[in-house]
Amino acid sequence: MKLNNRLRRYINTALIIGPMTLIMAFVGVLRNYGLVSGWILKSFVTWLTMFPIAYVCAFFIIPIANRVTSKINFND
């Protein structure tokens, strides 16, 4: 299946943000509540809240990060 190249940016961002926010949700719930009953469900509910917020924010943060990184002189 061949997808439109314009979708690449959105899919790439989702594949980065998704696992990252899932790990952060698990760590946050474990840190705040510990291994209590229902911690997995709490983690997924937290992740479902975090993912859309982080996904939208990424489209503002990534271009800024790219501009700042392009101004840094790296040794080649």
Foldseek 3Di string as FASTA:
>chain_A
DDDDPVCVVLVVLLVVLLVVLLVVLLVVLCVVPNPDPPSVVSSVVSSVVPRVVVSVVCVVVVVVVVVVVVPDDDDD
